C-alpha atoms as a PDB file:
ATOM      1  CA  MET A   1      -9.985  24.973   2.720  1.00  0.00           C
ATOM      2  CA  LEU A   2     -13.496  24.423   3.394  1.00  0.00           C
ATOM      3  CA  ALA A   3     -16.337  23.961   0.309  1.00  0.00           C
ATOM      4  CA  PHE A   4     -20.072  24.223   0.693  1.00  0.00           C
ATOM      5  CA  PRO A   5     -22.084  23.255  -2.015  1.00  0.00           C
ATOM      6  CA  CYS A   6     -25.191  25.225  -2.623  1.00  0.00           C
ATOM      7  CA  ASN A   7     -27.920  24.885  -5.205  1.00  0.00           C
ATOM      8  CA  GLN A   8     -29.181  28.160  -4.823  1.00  0.00           C
ATOM      9  CA  PHE A   9     -27.245  29.325  -8.346  1.00  0.00           C
ATOM     10  CA  GLY A  10     -29.110  27.976 -11.460  1.00  0.00           C
ATOM     11  CA  GLY A  11     -29.609  24.549 -10.061  1.00  0.00           C
ATOM     12  CA  GLN A  12     -25.850  23.698 -10.358  1.00  0.00           C
ATOM     13  CA  ALA A  13     -25.939  21.140  -7.491  1.00  0.00           C
ATOM     14  CA  PRO A  14     -28.686  19.425  -7.843  1.00  0.00           C
ATOM     15  CA  ALA A  15     -27.544  15.670  -6.790  1.00  0.00           C
ATOM     16  CA  SER A  16     -27.069  14.167  -3.331  1.00  0.00           C
ATOM     17  CA  ASP A  17     -24.668  15.645  -0.899  1.00  0.00           C
ATOM     18  CA  ALA A  18     -22.410  12.588  -1.789  1.00  0.00           C
ATOM     19  CA  CYS A  19     -22.623  12.858  -5.289  1.00  0.00           C
ATOM     20  CA  GLU A  20     -21.879  16.480  -5.096  1.00  0.00           C
ATOM     21  CA  ARG A  21     -18.665  15.886  -2.876  1.00  0.00           C
ATOM     22  CA  ASN A  22     -17.535  12.991  -5.343  1.00  0.00           C
ATOM     23  CA  TYR A  23     -18.220  15.264  -8.496  1.00  0.00           C
ATOM     24  CA  THR A  24     -16.143  18.217  -6.679  1.00  0.00           C
ATOM     25  CA  TYR A  25     -13.075  16.170  -5.837  1.00  0.00           C
ATOM     26  CA  ARG A  26     -13.068  14.555  -9.396  1.00  0.00           C
ATOM     27  CA  ARG A  27     -13.455  17.885 -11.218  1.00  0.00           C
ATOM     28  CA  MET A  28     -10.576  19.390  -9.113  1.00  0.00           C
ATOM     29  CA  GLN A  29      -8.466  16.428  -9.555  1.00  0.00           C
ATOM     30  CA  LEU A  30      -8.371  15.893  -5.719  1.00  0.00           C
ATOM     31  CA  PRO A  31      -7.534  12.622  -3.837  1.00  0.00           C
ATOM     32  CA  PHE A  32     -10.549  11.326  -1.871  1.00  0.00           C
ATOM     33  CA  SER A  33      -8.550   9.821   0.920  1.00  0.00           C
ATOM     34  CA  PRO A  34      -7.192  11.593   2.757  1.00  0.00           C
ATOM     35  CA  PRO A  35      -9.470  14.481   1.778  1.00  0.00           C
ATOM     36  CA  SER A  36      -7.398  17.463   0.402  1.00  0.00           C
ATOM     37  CA  PHE A  37     -10.002  19.542   1.766  1.00  0.00           C
ATOM     38  CA  THR A  38     -13.552  19.423   3.520  1.00  0.00           C
ATOM     39  CA  ILE A  39     -16.592  19.389   1.312  1.00  0.00           C
ATOM     40  CA  PHE A  40     -19.807  19.738   3.535  1.00  0.00           C
ATOM     41  CA  ASP A  41     -23.374  18.643   2.877  1.00  0.00           C
ATOM     42  CA  LYS A  42     -25.339  21.417   0.536  1.00  0.00           C
ATOM     43  CA  VAL A  43     -26.305  24.622   2.490  1.00  0.00           C
ATOM     44  CA  ASP A  44     -28.166  27.822   1.653  1.00  0.00           C
ATOM     45  CA  VAL A  45     -25.882  30.727   1.781  1.00  0.00           C
ATOM     46  CA  ASN A  46     -28.714  33.523   0.957  1.00  0.00           C
ATOM     47  CA  GLY A  47     -32.188  34.006   2.166  1.00  0.00           C
ATOM     48  CA  PRO A  48     -34.092  33.228   5.135  1.00  0.00           C
ATOM     49  CA  HIS A  49     -32.503  29.785   5.715  1.00  0.00           C
ATOM     50  CA  ALA A  50     -28.896  30.811   4.986  1.00  0.00           C
ATOM     51  CA  LEU A  51     -26.461  28.980   7.254  1.00  0.00           C
ATOM     52  CA  PRO A  52     -25.325  31.354  10.227  1.00  0.00           C
ATOM     53  CA  LEU A  53     -21.835  31.214   9.094  1.00  0.00           C
ATOM     54  CA  PHE A  54     -22.654  32.786   5.656  1.00  0.00           C
ATOM     55  CA  ARG A  55     -24.849  35.508   7.499  1.00  0.00           C
ATOM     56  CA  PHE A  56     -21.826  36.268   9.479  1.00  0.00           C
ATOM     57  CA  LEU A  57     -19.224  36.204   6.818  1.00  0.00           C
ATOM     58  CA  LYS A  58     -21.122  38.418   4.406  1.00  0.00           C
ATOM     59  CA  THR A  59     -21.778  40.790   7.296  1.00  0.00           C
ATOM     60  CA  LYS A  60     -18.296  40.963   8.624  1.00  0.00           C
ATOM     61  CA  ALA A  61     -16.000  40.502   5.680  1.00  0.00           C
ATOM     62  CA  PRO A  62     -14.393  43.781   4.874  1.00  0.00           C
ATOM     63  CA  ARG A  63     -15.829  45.920   2.376  1.00  0.00           C
ATOM     64  CA  ASP A  64     -13.192  45.777  -0.354  1.00  0.00           C
ATOM     65  CA  ALA A  65     -14.241  46.490  -4.249  1.00  0.00           C
ATOM     66  CA  PRO A  66     -16.573  45.238  -5.511  1.00  0.00           C
ATOM     67  CA  PHE A  67     -18.283  44.842  -2.292  1.00  0.00           C
ATOM     68  CA  ASP A  68     -17.182  48.327  -1.229  1.00  0.00           C
ATOM     69  CA  VAL A  69     -20.883  49.451  -1.170  1.00  0.00           C
ATOM     70  CA  CYS A  70     -22.525  46.747   0.468  1.00  0.00           C
ATOM     71  CA  GLY A  71     -20.508  44.473   2.990  1.00  0.00           C
ATOM     72  CA  HIS A  72     -23.615  42.325   3.982  1.00  0.00           C
ATOM     73  CA  CYS A  73     -24.724  41.765   0.014  1.00  0.00           C
ATOM     74  CA  ASP A  74     -25.938  38.421  -0.907  1.00  0.00           C
ATOM     75  CA  ILE A  75     -23.372  35.825  -2.300  1.00  0.00           C
ATOM     76  CA  ALA A  76     -24.086  36.378  -6.076  1.00  0.00           C
ATOM     77  CA  TRP A  77     -22.732  32.870  -7.434  1.00  0.00           C
ATOM     78  CA  ASN A  78     -20.988  29.521  -6.540  1.00  0.00           C
ATOM     79  CA  TYR A  79     -17.254  29.697  -5.744  1.00  0.00           C
ATOM     80  CA  GLU A  80     -17.215  33.115  -3.886  1.00  0.00           C
ATOM     81  CA  LYS A  81     -14.661  32.845  -1.515  1.00  0.00           C
ATOM     82  CA  PHE A  82     -13.871  34.155   2.084  1.00  0.00           C
ATOM     83  CA  VAL A  83     -10.208  34.345   3.510  1.00  0.00           C
ATOM     84  CA  VAL A  84     -10.597  33.982   7.444  1.00  0.00           C
ATOM     85  CA  ASN A  85      -7.974  34.199  10.119  1.00  0.00           C
ATOM     86  CA  SER A  86      -7.223  31.629  12.875  1.00  0.00           C
ATOM     87  CA  SER A  87      -9.583  33.420  15.323  1.00  0.00           C
ATOM     88  CA  GLY A  88     -12.464  32.839  12.741  1.00  0.00           C
ATOM     89  CA  TRP A  89     -12.838  36.503  11.781  1.00  0.00           C
ATOM     90  CA  PRO A  90     -13.224  37.171   7.543  1.00  0.00           C
ATOM     91  CA  VAL A  91     -10.365  39.154   6.415  1.00  0.00           C
ATOM     92  CA  ARG A  92     -11.016  38.931   2.460  1.00  0.00           C
ATOM     93  CA  ARG A  93     -14.011  38.292   0.354  1.00  0.00           C
ATOM     94  CA  ILE A  94     -13.246  37.399  -3.178  1.00  0.00           C
ATOM     95  CA  PRO A  95     -15.952  37.205  -6.015  1.00  0.00           C
ATOM     96  CA  ALA A  96     -16.719  33.992  -7.831  1.00  0.00           C
ATOM     97  CA  GLY A  97     -15.362  35.299 -11.092  1.00  0.00           C
ATOM     98  CA  VAL A  98     -11.825  35.726  -9.655  1.00  0.00           C
ATOM     99  CA  SER A  99      -9.281  33.360  -9.212  1.00  0.00           C
ATOM    100  CA  PRO A 100      -8.457  31.781  -5.839  1.00  0.00           C
ATOM    101  CA  THR A 101      -4.721  32.740  -6.167  1.00  0.00           C
ATOM    102  CA  GLU A 102      -6.203  36.284  -5.852  1.00  0.00           C
ATOM    103  CA  ALA A 103      -6.417  35.313  -2.121  1.00  0.00           C
ATOM    104  CA  GLU A 104      -2.673  34.352  -1.793  1.00  0.00           C
ATOM    105  CA  PRO A 105      -1.210  37.599  -0.374  1.00  0.00           C
ATOM    106  CA  ALA A 106      -3.899  37.849   2.116  1.00  0.00           C
ATOM    107  CA  ILE A 107      -3.136  33.993   3.116  1.00  0.00           C
ATOM    108  CA  ARG A 108       0.428  34.460   3.173  1.00  0.00           C
ATOM    109  CA  LYS A 109       0.179  37.450   5.499  1.00  0.00           C
ATOM    110  CA  LEU A 110      -1.955  35.318   7.828  1.00  0.00           C
ATOM    111  CA  LEU A 111       0.603  32.732   7.660  1.00  0.00           C
ATOM    112  CA  GLY A 112       3.538  35.049   8.288  1.00  0.00           C
ATOM    113  CA  LEU A 113       5.215  34.038   4.954  1.00  0.00           C
ATOM    114  CA  THR A 114       7.194  36.745   3.109  1.00  0.00           C
ATOM    115  CA  GLU A 115       8.909  34.471   0.226  1.00  0.00           C
ATOM    116  CA  LEU A 116       7.233  32.153  -2.210  1.00  0.00           C
ATOM    117  CA  LYS A 117       8.234  28.340  -1.029  1.00  0.00           C
ATOM    118  CA  ALA A 118       7.316  25.093  -2.640  1.00  0.00           C
ATOM    119  CA  PRO A 119       4.667  23.150  -0.978  1.00  0.00           C
ATOM    120  CA  ALA A 120       7.456  20.483   0.082  1.00  0.00           C
ATOM    121  CA  GLU A 121       9.488  23.448   1.872  1.00  0.00           C
ATOM    122  CA  ILE A 122       6.809  24.067   4.313  1.00  0.00           C
ATOM    123  CA  GLY A 123       5.904  20.627   4.905  1.00  0.00           C
ATOM    124  CA  ILE A 124       2.818  19.981   2.765  1.00  0.00           C
ATOM    125  CA  PRO A 125       3.256  16.056   1.340  1.00  0.00           C
ATOM    126  CA  LYS A 126       2.582  15.434  -2.403  1.00  0.00           C
ATOM    127  CA  ARG A 127      -0.770  13.879  -2.966  1.00  0.00           C
ATOM    128  CA  TYR A 128      -1.919  14.978  -6.127  1.00  0.00           C
ATOM    129  CA  PRO A 129      -2.202  12.746  -9.354  1.00  0.00           C
ATOM    130  CA  LYS A 130       0.354  15.016 -11.439  1.00  0.00           C
ATOM    131  CA  ASP A 131       2.866  14.945  -8.367  1.00  0.00           C
ATOM    132  CA  ALA A 132       2.752  10.986  -8.465  1.00  0.00           C
ATOM    133  CA  GLU A 133       3.340  11.140 -12.297  1.00  0.00           C
ATOM    134  CA  GLU A 134       6.149  13.242 -11.915  1.00  0.00           C
ATOM    135  CA  GLU A 135       7.912  11.127  -9.522  1.00  0.00           C
ATOM    136  CA  LYS A 136       7.681   8.388 -11.869  1.00  0.00           C
ATOM    137  CA  SER A 137       9.719  10.028 -14.611  1.00  0.00           C
END
């Protein structure tokens, strides 16, 4: 998972890149080291200075509802999500107000998973604070 902070939406990310990164890790209760996922420096996702990655994603992502009218529409708000396959091609675009769990079927299909498995069953180590508390009990 990759995260790109952006201050184009109501000034929600006004701090330095390092502060925004630390805030995101704390807010999501993720470990700092090793990082659970990469949080990049702030970028523009819309307009003339938009990062080329986001221009590509907005143009090439499938035109599913609510984007069926305009597959290249601007990103409307922070936390819009794109699911990308191993070749770097976007396969799903999910609006900001929709839970990331909506991406699960697309991700499962890309990984070839047909049944739900616990993270430990597919080799993901326990790293989250609440997992450590469960081990203590």
